[in-house]
Amino acid sequence: MLNATTRAGAAQRIKDGAIPEQVAAELGVSRSTLYRELRKHREGAAAEPVGQEG
């Protein structure tokens, strides 16, 4: 499993055009694990409140 920082970095690299298989290999995980972790990243980003002031 990847930590939040690594997930965010992987997501950004793929968004910038990196090949998912290459990113997965560099992180030492399978492609399916990478996609699972990217899904966690997307779900976590969607759950964060934006612009909320306390």
C-alpha atoms as a PDB file:
ATOM      1  CA  MET A   1       0.000   0.000   0.000  1.00  0.00           C
ATOM      2  CA  LEU A   2       1.097   3.537  -0.698  1.00  0.00           C
ATOM      3  CA  ASN A   3       0.942   6.524   1.607  1.00  0.00           C
ATOM      4  CA  ALA A   4      -1.063   9.636   0.749  1.00  0.00           C
ATOM      5  CA  THR A   5       1.975  11.563  -0.482  1.00  0.00           C
ATOM      6  CA  THR A   6       3.064   8.766  -2.802  1.00  0.00           C
ATOM      7  CA  ARG A   7      -0.496   8.353  -4.109  1.00  0.00           C
ATOM      8  CA  ALA A   8      -0.706  12.075  -4.855  1.00  0.00           C
ATOM      9  CA  GLY A   9       2.650  12.022  -6.628  1.00  0.00           C
ATOM     10  CA  ALA A  10       1.679   9.019  -8.721  1.00  0.00           C
ATOM     11  CA  ALA A  11      -1.632  10.626  -9.653  1.00  0.00           C
ATOM     12  CA  GLN A  12       0.140  13.816 -10.715  1.00  0.00           C
ATOM     13  CA  ARG A  13       2.709  11.916 -12.788  1.00  0.00           C
ATOM     14  CA  ILE A  14      -0.025  10.042 -14.628  1.00  0.00           C
ATOM     15  CA  LYS A  15      -1.969  13.287 -15.136  1.00  0.00           C
ATOM     16  CA  ASP A  16       1.220  14.762 -16.622  1.00  0.00           C
ATOM     17  CA  GLY A  17       1.405  11.899 -19.121  1.00  0.00           C
ATOM     18  CA  ALA A  18       3.424   9.148 -17.454  1.00  0.00           C
ATOM     19  CA  ILE A  19       2.535   5.575 -18.360  1.00  0.00           C
ATOM     20  CA  PRO A  20       0.737   3.879 -15.431  1.00  0.00           C
ATOM     21  CA  GLU A  21       2.666   0.635 -15.898  1.00  0.00           C
ATOM     22  CA  GLN A  22       5.946   2.543 -15.615  1.00  0.00           C
ATOM     23  CA  VAL A  23       4.815   4.432 -12.504  1.00  0.00           C
ATOM     24  CA  ALA A  24       3.715   1.155 -10.902  1.00  0.00           C
ATOM     25  CA  ALA A  25       7.062  -0.492 -11.679  1.00  0.00           C
ATOM     26  CA  GLU A  26       8.998   2.440 -10.235  1.00  0.00           C
ATOM     27  CA  LEU A  27       6.929   2.260  -7.046  1.00  0.00           C
ATOM     28  CA  GLY A  28       7.362  -1.501  -6.830  1.00  0.00           C
ATOM     29  CA  VAL A  29       3.646  -2.301  -7.026  1.00  0.00           C
ATOM     30  CA  SER A  30       1.452  -4.028  -9.564  1.00  0.00           C
ATOM     31  CA  ARG A  31      -0.635  -2.062 -12.006  1.00  0.00           C
ATOM     32  CA  SER A  32      -3.837  -3.171 -10.260  1.00  0.00           C
ATOM     33  CA  THR A  33      -2.457  -1.977  -6.908  1.00  0.00           C
ATOM     34  CA  LEU A  34      -1.583   1.373  -8.454  1.00  0.00           C
ATOM     35  CA  TYR A  35      -5.116   1.788  -9.824  1.00  0.00           C
ATOM     36  CA  ARG A  36      -6.595   0.819  -6.434  1.00  0.00           C
ATOM     37  CA  GLU A  37      -4.411   3.391  -4.700  1.00  0.00           C
ATOM     38  CA  LEU A  38      -5.307   6.060  -7.279  1.00  0.00           C
ATOM     39  CA  ARG A  39      -8.981   5.369  -6.586  1.00  0.00           C
ATOM     40  CA  LYS A  40      -8.303   5.940  -2.863  1.00  0.00           C
ATOM     41  CA  HIS A  41      -6.592   9.212  -3.782  1.00  0.00           C
ATOM     42  CA  ARG A  42      -9.572  10.385  -5.843  1.00  0.00           C
ATOM     43  CA  GLU A  43     -12.041   9.410  -3.112  1.00  0.00           C
ATOM     44  CA  GLY A  44      -9.939  11.149  -0.468  1.00  0.00           C
ATOM     45  CA  ALA A  45      -9.651  14.309  -2.530  1.00  0.00           C
ATOM     46  CA  ALA A  46     -13.413  14.357  -3.093  1.00  0.00           C
ATOM     47  CA  ALA A  47     -14.050  14.005   0.655  1.00  0.00           C
ATOM     48  CA  GLU A  48     -11.839  16.945   1.686  1.00  0.00           C
ATOM     49  CA  PRO A  49     -13.738  20.136   2.390  1.00  0.00           C
ATOM     50  CA  VAL A  50     -12.693  22.944   0.064  1.00  0.00           C
ATOM     51  CA  GLY A  51     -12.561  26.541   1.230  1.00  0.00           C
ATOM     52  CA  GLN A  52     -13.962  25.761   4.638  1.00  0.00           C
ATOM     53  CA  GLU A  53     -12.963  28.334   7.253  1.00  0.00           C
ATOM     54  CA  GLY A  54     -13.181  27.713  10.945  1.00  0.00           C
END
